[in-house]
Protein backbone atom coordinates (compact mmCIF):
# COMPACT_ATOMS: atom_id res chain seq x y z
CA MET A 1 -80.11 -178.62 102.82
CA ARG A 2 -81.83 -177.61 99.60
CA ARG A 3 -85.20 -179.20 99.02
CA ARG A 4 -85.54 -181.10 95.78
CA ASN A 5 -87.82 -183.76 94.36
CA VAL A 6 -87.28 -187.52 94.54
CA ILE A 7 -88.94 -190.34 92.59
CA VAL A 8 -88.25 -193.90 93.68
CA ILE A 9 -89.44 -196.56 91.24
CA MET A 10 -89.59 -200.08 92.65
CA SER A 11 -90.31 -203.03 90.39
CA ASP A 12 -90.95 -206.56 91.61
CA GLU A 13 -88.73 -209.60 91.09
CA HIS A 14 -86.12 -208.03 88.77
CA ASP A 15 -82.80 -209.84 88.66
CA PRO A 16 -80.36 -206.91 88.28
CA ARG A 17 -78.21 -208.76 85.80
CA VAL A 18 -81.11 -208.71 83.34
CA MET A 19 -80.33 -205.16 82.18
CA GLY A 20 -78.25 -203.96 79.28
CA CYS A 21 -76.20 -201.71 81.57
CA SER A 22 -75.30 -204.79 83.65
CA GLY A 23 -73.77 -206.44 80.58
CA HIS A 24 -76.60 -208.82 79.73
CA ALA A 25 -76.11 -210.46 76.36
CA PHE A 26 -79.47 -209.71 74.75
CA ILE A 27 -81.99 -207.96 77.04
CA GLN A 28 -83.37 -204.68 75.69
CA THR A 29 -83.62 -202.07 78.47
CA PRO A 30 -82.74 -198.77 76.76
CA ASN A 31 -84.43 -196.56 79.34
CA LEU A 32 -82.81 -198.12 82.39
CA ASP A 33 -79.51 -198.08 80.52
CA ALA A 34 -79.93 -194.36 79.83
CA LEU A 35 -80.75 -193.71 83.48
CA ALA A 36 -77.59 -195.56 84.51
CA ALA A 37 -75.55 -193.63 81.95
CA ARG A 38 -76.50 -190.28 83.49
CA GLY A 39 -76.35 -191.55 87.05
CA VAL A 40 -74.68 -194.09 89.33
CA ARG A 41 -75.25 -197.83 89.14
CA PHE A 42 -74.60 -199.97 92.21
CA PRO A 43 -73.84 -203.49 90.89
CA ASN A 44 -73.56 -204.98 94.39
CA ALA A 45 -77.04 -204.19 95.72
CA TYR A 46 -79.13 -206.58 97.80
CA THR A 47 -82.56 -207.04 99.35
CA PRO A 48 -82.99 -207.37 103.13
CA SER A 49 -85.13 -210.45 102.41
CA PRO A 50 -85.80 -212.30 99.13
CA ILE A 51 -89.58 -212.17 99.39
CA CYS A 52 -92.00 -209.27 98.92
CA VAL A 53 -93.56 -208.27 102.23
CA PRO A 54 -90.51 -208.46 104.54
CA ALA A 55 -88.34 -206.71 101.94
CA ARG A 56 -90.84 -203.89 101.58
CA ALA A 57 -91.33 -203.50 105.34
CA ALA A 58 -87.56 -203.22 105.74
CA PHE A 59 -87.45 -200.71 102.88
CA ALA A 60 -90.15 -198.62 104.58
CA THR A 61 -88.49 -198.55 107.98
CA GLY A 62 -84.78 -198.77 107.18
CA LEU A 63 -84.50 -201.62 109.66
CA ARG A 64 -83.57 -205.28 109.22
CA VAL A 65 -86.31 -207.87 109.11
CA HIS A 66 -85.40 -209.40 112.47
CA GLN A 67 -85.50 -205.91 114.03
CA ILE A 68 -89.05 -205.18 112.84
CA ARG A 69 -90.32 -208.80 112.93
CA HIS A 70 -92.19 -208.65 109.64
CA TRP A 71 -91.07 -212.18 108.87
CA ASP A 72 -93.16 -213.31 105.93
CA ASN A 73 -95.95 -212.44 103.51
CA ALA A 74 -98.56 -212.58 106.28
CA MET A 75 -96.87 -209.86 108.34
CA PRO A 76 -97.21 -206.69 106.25
CA TYR A 77 -96.06 -203.21 107.19
CA THR A 78 -98.76 -201.28 109.06
CA GLY A 79 -97.08 -197.94 109.62
CA THR A 80 -96.73 -198.58 113.36
CA GLN A 81 -92.95 -198.49 113.09
CA ARG A 82 -91.75 -195.10 111.89
CA GLY A 83 -90.61 -195.04 108.26
CA TRP A 84 -88.98 -192.56 105.92
CA GLY A 85 -92.41 -191.38 104.80
CA HIS A 86 -93.33 -190.36 108.33
CA VAL A 87 -90.12 -188.33 108.62
CA LEU A 88 -90.87 -186.55 105.36
CA GLN A 89 -94.40 -185.79 106.51
CA ALA A 90 -93.04 -184.33 109.74
CA HIS A 91 -90.89 -182.01 107.61
CA GLN A 92 -93.90 -180.95 105.51
CA VAL A 93 -92.58 -182.66 102.37
CA ARG A 94 -95.32 -183.84 100.02
CA VAL A 95 -95.00 -187.65 99.89
CA GLU A 96 -97.35 -189.91 97.93
CA SER A 97 -97.40 -193.39 96.40
CA ILE A 98 -98.72 -194.85 93.17
CA GLY A 99 -98.96 -198.60 92.64
CA LYS A 100 -97.80 -201.68 94.48
CA LEU A 101 -96.80 -201.31 98.11
CA HIS A 102 -97.73 -204.71 99.56
CA TYR A 103 -98.37 -203.19 102.99
CA ARG A 104 -101.42 -204.12 105.08
CA GLN A 105 -104.21 -201.76 103.97
CA GLU A 106 -104.81 -198.30 102.61
CA GLU A 107 -106.35 -197.12 105.87
CA ASP A 108 -103.05 -197.48 107.75
CA GLN A 109 -100.92 -194.39 108.31
CA ALA A 110 -97.95 -195.80 106.43
CA GLY A 111 -96.15 -192.55 105.69
CA PHE A 112 -97.95 -191.31 102.57
CA ASP A 113 -100.21 -188.30 102.23
CA HIS A 114 -102.14 -190.29 99.65
CA GLU A 115 -101.89 -193.80 98.17
CA HIS A 116 -103.03 -193.96 94.55
CA ILE A 117 -104.37 -197.35 93.33
CA PRO A 118 -102.30 -199.24 95.91
CA MET A 119 -101.80 -202.99 95.82
CA HIS A 120 -101.78 -204.41 99.33
CA VAL A 121 -101.77 -207.95 100.71
CA VAL A 122 -104.92 -210.04 100.34
CA GLY A 123 -107.54 -209.29 102.97
CA GLY A 124 -105.14 -207.27 105.09
CA HIS A 125 -103.54 -210.53 106.24
CA GLY A 126 -101.67 -211.90 103.22
CA MET A 127 -100.32 -215.43 102.82
CA VAL A 128 -101.09 -216.82 106.26
CA TRP A 129 -100.69 -220.40 105.02
CA ALA A 130 -96.99 -219.69 104.49
CA SER A 131 -96.57 -218.84 108.18
CA ILE A 132 -97.09 -222.54 108.94
CA ARG A 133 -93.51 -223.77 109.30
CA ASP A 134 -91.46 -226.57 110.77
CA PRO A 135 -93.08 -228.48 109.27
CA TYR A 136 -94.50 -226.28 106.54
CA ILE A 137 -97.64 -227.35 104.70
CA THR A 138 -96.81 -229.39 101.64
CA GLN A 139 -98.76 -227.37 99.07
CA PRO A 140 -100.12 -223.82 98.82
CA PRO A 141 -103.92 -223.50 98.79
CA GLY A 142 -105.91 -223.36 95.59
CA GLY A 143 -103.90 -225.90 93.60
CA LYS A 144 -102.71 -223.28 91.09
CA ARG A 145 -99.25 -222.97 89.62
CA MET A 146 -97.23 -220.17 91.17
CA LEU A 147 -96.01 -218.91 87.79
CA GLY A 148 -99.56 -218.62 86.45
CA GLU A 149 -102.12 -220.82 84.76
CA ARG A 150 -101.16 -219.29 81.40
CA ILE A 151 -97.58 -218.62 80.27
CA GLY A 152 -96.52 -216.82 77.12
CA PRO A 153 -97.61 -213.75 75.14
CA GLY A 154 -100.65 -211.68 75.99
CA GLU A 155 -102.09 -209.44 78.67
CA SER A 156 -102.73 -210.19 82.33
CA PRO A 157 -104.25 -208.22 85.21
CA TYR A 158 -100.67 -207.31 86.16
CA THR A 159 -99.75 -205.81 82.79
CA SER A 160 -103.02 -203.85 82.84
CA TYR A 161 -102.24 -202.68 86.36
CA ASP A 162 -98.76 -201.52 85.38
CA ARG A 163 -100.20 -199.54 82.50
CA SER A 164 -102.60 -197.86 84.93
CA VAL A 165 -99.84 -197.16 87.44
CA THR A 166 -97.72 -195.61 84.71
CA GLN A 167 -100.54 -193.44 83.39
CA ARG A 168 -101.48 -192.31 86.90
CA THR A 169 -97.83 -191.36 87.43
CA LEU A 170 -97.78 -189.29 84.25
CA ASP A 171 -100.94 -187.48 85.35
CA TRP A 172 -99.48 -186.93 88.81
CA LEU A 173 -96.31 -185.39 87.33
CA ASP A 174 -98.39 -183.12 85.11
CA ASP A 175 -100.04 -181.80 88.25
CA ALA A 176 -96.75 -181.52 90.13
CA ALA A 177 -95.32 -179.39 87.33
CA GLN A 178 -98.01 -176.82 88.09
CA ARG A 179 -97.00 -176.77 91.78
CA ARG A 180 -93.28 -176.13 91.59
CA ASP A 181 -93.24 -174.49 95.00
CA GLU A 182 -94.08 -177.90 96.54
CA PRO A 183 -91.09 -180.29 96.51
CA PHE A 184 -92.18 -183.90 96.55
CA VAL A 185 -91.13 -187.49 97.12
CA LEU A 186 -93.07 -189.88 94.91
CA TYR A 187 -92.95 -193.67 95.25
CA VAL A 188 -93.99 -195.65 92.13
CA GLY A 189 -94.57 -199.41 92.48
CA LEU A 190 -94.61 -201.46 89.26
CA VAL A 191 -95.18 -205.22 89.37
CA ALA A 192 -93.37 -206.45 86.24
CA PRO A 193 -91.49 -208.74 85.82
CA HIS A 194 -93.26 -210.59 88.65
CA PHE A 195 -95.23 -213.67 87.55
CA PRO A 196 -97.72 -214.53 86.05
CA LEU A 197 -95.29 -214.97 83.17
CA VAL A 198 -97.47 -213.34 80.54
CA ALA A 199 -95.84 -210.55 78.53
CA PRO A 200 -97.47 -208.17 76.04
CA GLN A 201 -97.01 -209.54 72.54
CA ALA A 202 -94.69 -206.81 71.26
CA PHE A 203 -92.28 -207.35 74.15
CA TYR A 204 -92.59 -211.13 74.18
CA ASP A 205 -91.68 -211.18 70.48
CA LEU A 206 -88.30 -209.61 71.27
CA TYR A 207 -87.22 -212.94 72.78
CA PRO A 208 -88.06 -215.97 70.60
CA PRO A 209 -88.28 -219.05 72.86
CA GLU A 210 -85.94 -221.10 70.70
CA ARG A 211 -83.17 -218.56 71.34
CA MET A 212 -83.36 -218.70 75.14
CA PRO A 213 -80.07 -219.95 76.63
CA ALA A 214 -79.79 -222.97 78.90
CA VAL A 215 -79.77 -222.34 82.64
CA LYS A 216 -76.89 -223.16 84.93
CA LEU A 217 -76.71 -226.02 87.43
CA HIS A 218 -79.90 -227.72 86.36
CA PRO A 219 -80.56 -230.92 88.34
CA SER A 220 -80.95 -232.84 85.07
CA THR A 221 -77.19 -232.38 84.53
CA GLY A 222 -76.37 -234.15 87.78
CA TYR A 223 -76.21 -231.04 89.96
CA ARG A 224 -77.39 -231.65 93.52
CA ARG A 225 -79.11 -228.79 95.29
CA HIS A 226 -78.22 -227.78 98.82
CA PRO A 227 -80.68 -229.64 101.13
CA TRP A 228 -82.37 -226.41 102.30
CA VAL A 229 -82.85 -225.36 98.67
CA GLN A 230 -84.00 -228.86 97.73
CA ALA A 231 -86.76 -228.65 100.32
CA TYR A 232 -87.90 -225.30 98.91
CA ALA A 233 -87.83 -226.66 95.35
CA GLU A 234 -90.02 -229.57 96.40
CA PHE A 235 -92.41 -227.16 98.10
CA MET A 236 -92.62 -224.95 94.98
CA PRO A 237 -92.09 -227.48 92.15
CA ASN A 238 -92.40 -224.94 89.34
CA GLU A 239 -89.93 -226.73 87.11
CA GLU A 240 -92.00 -229.92 87.26
CA GLN A 241 -95.27 -228.10 86.59
CA PHE A 242 -94.53 -226.89 83.08
CA ARG A 243 -96.92 -228.59 80.66
CA SER A 244 -94.29 -229.08 77.98
CA PRO A 245 -90.68 -228.19 77.12
CA GLU A 246 -92.10 -225.51 74.83
CA GLU A 247 -94.00 -223.86 77.67
CA ARG A 248 -90.86 -223.85 79.80
CA LEU A 249 -89.03 -221.92 77.07
CA GLN A 250 -91.98 -219.55 76.79
CA ALA A 251 -91.55 -218.77 80.49
CA PHE A 252 -88.04 -217.45 79.80
CA SER A 253 -89.31 -215.37 76.88
CA ALA A 254 -92.13 -213.97 78.98
CA TYR A 255 -89.83 -212.97 81.85
CA HIS A 256 -87.47 -211.15 79.52
CA GLY A 257 -90.44 -209.60 77.74
CA LEU A 258 -91.77 -208.36 81.07
CA VAL A 259 -88.40 -206.77 81.85
CA SER A 260 -88.57 -204.87 78.56
CA PHE A 261 -92.21 -203.94 79.31
CA LEU A 262 -91.06 -202.63 82.69
CA ASP A 263 -88.31 -200.65 80.97
CA HIS A 264 -90.88 -199.17 78.58
CA ASN A 265 -93.00 -197.95 81.49
CA VAL A 266 -90.00 -196.52 83.31
CA GLY A 267 -89.08 -194.76 80.07
CA ARG A 268 -92.50 -193.15 79.81
CA ILE A 269 -92.12 -191.75 83.33
CA LEU A 270 -88.60 -190.45 82.71
CA GLN A 271 -89.57 -188.88 79.40
CA ARG A 272 -92.49 -187.04 81.01
CA LEU A 273 -90.23 -185.85 83.81
CA GLN A 274 -87.86 -184.37 81.25
CA ALA A 275 -90.62 -182.88 79.10
CA LEU A 276 -92.07 -181.09 82.11
CA GLY A 277 -88.72 -179.53 82.99
CA LEU A 278 -88.53 -181.42 86.30
CA GLN A 279 -85.50 -183.61 85.56
CA ASP A 280 -82.85 -181.13 86.74
CA ASP A 281 -84.51 -180.84 90.18
CA THR A 282 -85.42 -184.50 90.66
CA THR A 283 -83.41 -187.47 91.89
CA VAL A 284 -84.63 -190.73 90.38
CA VAL A 285 -83.89 -194.05 92.08
CA TYR A 286 -84.71 -197.34 90.37
CA THR A 287 -84.66 -200.60 92.31
CA SER A 288 -86.63 -203.81 92.95
CA ASP A 289 -87.73 -205.67 96.06
CA HIS A 290 -85.78 -208.85 95.15
CA GLY A 291 -84.75 -210.89 92.13
CA ASP A 292 -85.83 -214.16 90.48
CA ASN A 293 -84.02 -217.49 90.17
CA LEU A 294 -85.45 -217.88 86.64
CA GLY A 295 -84.74 -221.59 86.36
CA ALA A 296 -81.19 -221.57 87.72
CA ARG A 297 -80.68 -224.75 89.76
CA GLY A 298 -84.18 -225.74 88.60
CA VAL A 299 -85.74 -223.07 90.85
CA TRP A 300 -88.17 -220.28 89.88
CA GLY A 301 -89.34 -217.25 91.81
CA LYS A 302 -87.38 -215.79 94.72
CA SER A 303 -86.78 -217.18 98.24
CA THR A 304 -83.19 -218.38 97.89
CA LEU A 305 -79.95 -216.66 98.88
CA TYR A 306 -78.27 -216.95 95.48
CA GLN A 307 -77.43 -213.85 93.47
CA GLU A 308 -80.37 -214.30 91.09
CA SER A 309 -82.82 -214.01 93.99
CA VAL A 310 -81.17 -211.86 96.65
CA ALA A 311 -79.53 -209.19 94.47
CA VAL A 312 -81.49 -206.16 93.27
CA PRO A 313 -80.92 -203.38 90.73
CA MET A 314 -79.95 -200.01 92.17
CA ILE A 315 -79.57 -196.94 89.95
CA MET A 316 -79.63 -193.31 91.07
CA ALA A 317 -79.52 -190.24 88.84
CA GLY A 318 -80.21 -186.58 89.44
CA PRO A 319 -78.76 -183.24 90.52
CA GLY A 320 -75.30 -183.53 92.01
CA VAL A 321 -74.92 -187.21 91.13
CA VAL A 322 -71.71 -187.80 89.20
CA PRO A 323 -72.20 -190.56 86.61
CA GLY A 324 -70.34 -193.80 87.17
CA VAL A 325 -70.40 -197.17 88.89
CA CYS A 326 -70.09 -197.54 92.66
CA ASP A 327 -68.80 -200.96 93.73
CA THR A 328 -69.58 -200.50 97.42
CA PRO A 329 -72.19 -203.08 98.48
CA VAL A 330 -75.58 -201.50 99.27
CA ASP A 331 -79.10 -202.64 100.08
CA LEU A 332 -82.66 -201.35 100.30
CA LEU A 333 -82.05 -200.07 103.84
CA ASP A 334 -79.76 -197.43 102.34
CA LEU A 335 -82.79 -195.81 100.73
CA PHE A 336 -84.04 -194.55 104.10
CA PRO A 337 -81.29 -191.89 104.42
CA THR A 338 -81.11 -191.47 100.64
CA LEU A 339 -84.73 -190.43 100.23
CA LEU A 340 -84.51 -188.03 103.15
CA ALA A 341 -81.30 -186.46 101.88
CA GLY A 342 -82.68 -186.20 98.36
CA ALA A 343 -85.65 -184.23 99.71
CA GLY A 344 -83.40 -181.88 101.66
CA VAL A 345 -83.98 -183.47 105.08
CA ASP A 346 -80.91 -184.27 107.17
CA PRO A 347 -81.20 -188.03 107.83
CA THR A 348 -78.71 -188.10 110.71
CA PRO A 349 -81.18 -187.47 113.57
CA HIS A 350 -83.45 -190.23 112.27
CA LEU A 351 -80.96 -193.10 111.89
CA SER A 352 -80.95 -194.48 115.43
CA GLY A 353 -80.51 -198.25 115.09
CA ARG A 354 -80.64 -198.06 111.31
CA PRO A 355 -77.62 -199.42 109.38
CA GLY A 356 -78.32 -197.60 106.11
CA ARG A 357 -76.07 -194.98 104.55
CA SER A 358 -77.05 -192.41 101.96
CA LEU A 359 -76.32 -193.50 98.40
CA TYR A 360 -75.22 -189.92 97.74
CA ASP A 361 -72.45 -190.35 100.33
CA LEU A 362 -71.51 -193.84 99.22
CA ALA A 363 -71.30 -192.80 95.56
CA ALA A 364 -69.11 -189.79 96.38
CA ALA A 365 -66.68 -191.74 98.61
CA PRO A 366 -63.99 -194.21 97.54
CA ALA A 367 -65.38 -197.71 97.00
CA ASP A 368 -65.61 -199.79 100.17
CA PRO A 369 -65.84 -203.43 99.03
CA GLN A 370 -65.55 -204.63 102.65
CA ARG A 371 -68.86 -203.07 103.65
CA VAL A 372 -71.09 -205.83 105.03
CA VAL A 373 -74.59 -206.38 103.64
CA PHE A 374 -77.06 -208.85 105.05
CA SER A 375 -80.26 -210.66 104.05
CA GLU A 376 -82.52 -213.17 105.76
CA TYR A 377 -85.43 -215.49 104.95
CA HIS A 378 -88.13 -216.88 107.28
CA ALA A 379 -91.00 -217.53 104.90
CA ALA A 380 -92.73 -219.95 102.52
CA GLY A 381 -91.10 -223.32 101.94
CA SER A 382 -88.52 -223.06 104.72
CA ASN A 383 -88.53 -225.01 107.96
CA THR A 384 -85.54 -223.07 109.26
CA ALA A 385 -84.13 -219.60 108.76
CA ALA A 386 -81.56 -218.73 106.12
CA PHE A 387 -79.11 -215.82 106.35
CA MET A 388 -76.81 -214.25 103.74
CA LEU A 389 -73.75 -212.15 104.47
CA ARG A 390 -71.70 -210.41 101.77
CA LYS A 391 -68.29 -208.95 102.61
CA GLY A 392 -65.71 -208.22 99.98
CA ARG A 393 -65.29 -211.12 97.60
CA TRP A 394 -67.00 -213.56 99.97
CA LYS A 395 -70.67 -214.48 100.17
CA TYR A 396 -71.78 -216.69 103.06
CA HIS A 397 -75.07 -218.56 103.43
CA HIS A 398 -76.01 -219.73 106.92
CA TYR A 399 -78.87 -222.22 107.18
CA VAL A 400 -80.10 -223.12 110.67
CA ARG A 401 -79.81 -226.93 111.10
CA PHE A 402 -78.07 -227.29 107.70
CA ALA A 403 -74.52 -226.96 106.43
CA PRO A 404 -73.49 -223.49 105.22
CA GLU A 405 -72.41 -222.37 101.76
CA LEU A 406 -69.48 -220.12 100.85
CA PHE A 407 -68.80 -218.51 97.49
CA ASP A 408 -65.93 -216.43 96.14
CA LEU A 409 -67.77 -213.92 93.95
CA GLU A 410 -64.56 -212.52 92.54
CA ALA A 411 -63.41 -215.86 91.13
CA ASP A 412 -66.87 -217.42 90.81
CA PRO A 413 -69.57 -214.77 90.20
CA GLU A 414 -72.11 -217.41 89.13
CA GLU A 415 -71.79 -219.29 92.44
CA LEU A 416 -70.94 -222.56 90.75
CA HIS A 417 -68.53 -223.83 93.42
CA ASP A 418 -69.46 -224.04 97.10
CA LEU A 419 -66.24 -223.68 99.13
CA ALA A 420 -67.74 -224.32 102.57
CA GLY A 421 -66.38 -227.87 102.70
CA ASP A 422 -62.92 -226.96 101.42
CA PRO A 423 -60.29 -227.18 104.21
CA ALA A 424 -58.38 -224.33 102.56
CA HIS A 425 -61.30 -221.97 103.20
CA GLN A 426 -62.18 -222.86 106.80
CA ALA A 427 -60.66 -219.66 108.17
CA VAL A 428 -62.78 -217.58 105.79
CA LEU A 429 -65.86 -219.61 106.67
CA GLN A 430 -65.32 -219.05 110.38
CA ALA A 431 -64.67 -215.35 109.90
CA MET A 432 -67.88 -214.93 107.90
CA GLU A 433 -69.90 -216.79 110.51
CA ALA A 434 -68.41 -214.52 113.18
CA GLU A 435 -69.47 -211.48 111.13
CA LEU A 436 -73.00 -212.87 110.94
CA ARG A 437 -73.17 -213.57 114.66
CA ALA A 438 -72.03 -210.01 115.35
CA LEU A 439 -75.25 -208.89 113.63
CA CYS A 440 -77.64 -211.45 115.09
CA ASP A 441 -77.94 -214.84 116.77
CA PRO A 442 -79.27 -217.01 113.89
CA GLU A 443 -80.79 -219.68 116.08
CA ALA A 444 -82.47 -217.16 118.38
CA VAL A 445 -83.85 -215.19 115.43
CA ASP A 446 -85.16 -218.42 113.89
CA ALA A 447 -86.93 -219.32 117.14
CA LEU A 448 -88.40 -215.81 117.47
CA ALA A 449 -89.75 -215.85 113.93
CA LYS A 450 -91.42 -219.21 114.44
CA GLN A 451 -92.94 -218.11 117.73
CA ASP A 452 -94.36 -214.96 116.14
CA GLN A 453 -95.75 -217.02 113.28
CA ALA A 454 -97.29 -219.56 115.65
CA ASP A 455 -98.88 -216.73 117.65
CA LEU A 456 -100.31 -215.23 114.44
CA ILE A 457 -101.82 -218.56 113.42
CA GLU A 458 -103.39 -219.02 116.85
CA ARG A 459 -104.91 -215.51 116.75
CA LEU A 460 -106.44 -216.27 113.36
CA GLY A 461 -108.11 -219.49 114.43
CA GLY A 462 -105.51 -222.23 114.23
CA VAL A 463 -103.60 -224.21 111.64
CA ALA A 464 -106.62 -225.61 109.79
CA ARG A 465 -108.00 -222.15 109.08
CA ALA A 466 -104.59 -220.58 108.43
CA ALA A 467 -103.85 -223.21 105.78
CA THR A 468 -106.61 -221.72 103.61
CA MET A 469 -105.86 -218.03 104.12
CA GLY A 470 -104.16 -215.98 101.41
CA ALA A 471 -103.39 -216.17 97.72
CA GLY A 472 -101.54 -219.24 96.54
CA GLY A 473 -99.45 -217.22 94.10
CA ALA A 474 -99.53 -213.62 92.89
CA THR A 475 -101.56 -211.09 94.85
CA PRO A 476 -104.62 -210.06 92.79
CA ALA A 477 -104.30 -206.65 91.14
CA PRO A 478 -106.66 -204.02 92.56
CA ALA A 479 -109.28 -202.14 90.59
CA THR A 480 -107.81 -199.01 89.02
CA THR A 481 -110.97 -197.03 88.24
């Protein structure tokens, strides 16, 4: 297999429908749109878990969360379980990272020759307070709003960090262009559009607050949340913490502004790649770790199984990639074989127990809408596990100790109508549950996660101490000088 370069750019909390190439009504993402135009977009892409640390550990290893047991934001990837980076290193491929990883610590052998200005979990332990479950603690430590103390236009440590990550990437590519005999795989981690919801003025101004559309299924209209989701919304009452209706609208403007800011930074990287003459030998993958509810159902942030939270963008462009749209469902686990194949390493010997398939292969084959994709959640604000299964037109949500949900994404892409209680859909419901149970035992996985979390809390000194450990919201940005 011919060795080539690969760049994987991972943002944080980007709902894939908030891109021009996805058909969004007003978002401005010209650089991501251009990448999609010369590559393949996968509109049915998902995260293995709708929260940062488990999603990123699964991405690193190519294994499902319940296989690796990185359940929540206090169980970061340490490099102990072999990841795609380790395989590349074994094949003498240069592999480095720039930006947010959200692993444990820079000293771990996590599969990179060098980590440039990495963002890792707080203190090497992360959000231990969120490992307290069943019952979970009623309020995160610190008393701060998850979305940020300030919302609106301006600069934050995260926007400054993203600028530094982008500039470091440009410098890195300048160096790589002088070393063309060394193929590389470069991971770039940007944090936008993750909260705090503060967007640089020029990008915020693209989206006047008064023009922001109303959200769907808001509880003020009489909509009743699923009980599992209601518990999460009470745990993270972001909707109730806005200081005014005007600030709530500013939150929408800021999120969209951050998406355009992200697009601007991606554009700078892609333009430098082209200017250096590296584009024709480099596969570029753009994705995110999970999405954002962005006020739908009165919920903000991630952590639910709805499309806004559990779907991710997935775009791949580069040599040998025929432009188009691939409707086959995919997820972040598919990047394990993709990154190896893109670097000229045969992934087949390294896929034992890994469900991922190369995006190159999936894009070249006829669409397979019946391919099953899976996600799971065992983290903050949940007393019991939640599992998502997508197969064909059907999307199934299984909540331990709660009633399930079932959606027909072909007829109802916005998930407005739960069909789980409809007698006409009981056969589908049972078939989807059987598909889930073929992958895992939900109740056993739930019990295992809680036992691992209880053991972690005991090792760290008990519930009283654990309740104070970790950031209450966004992980602080590291120093970049």
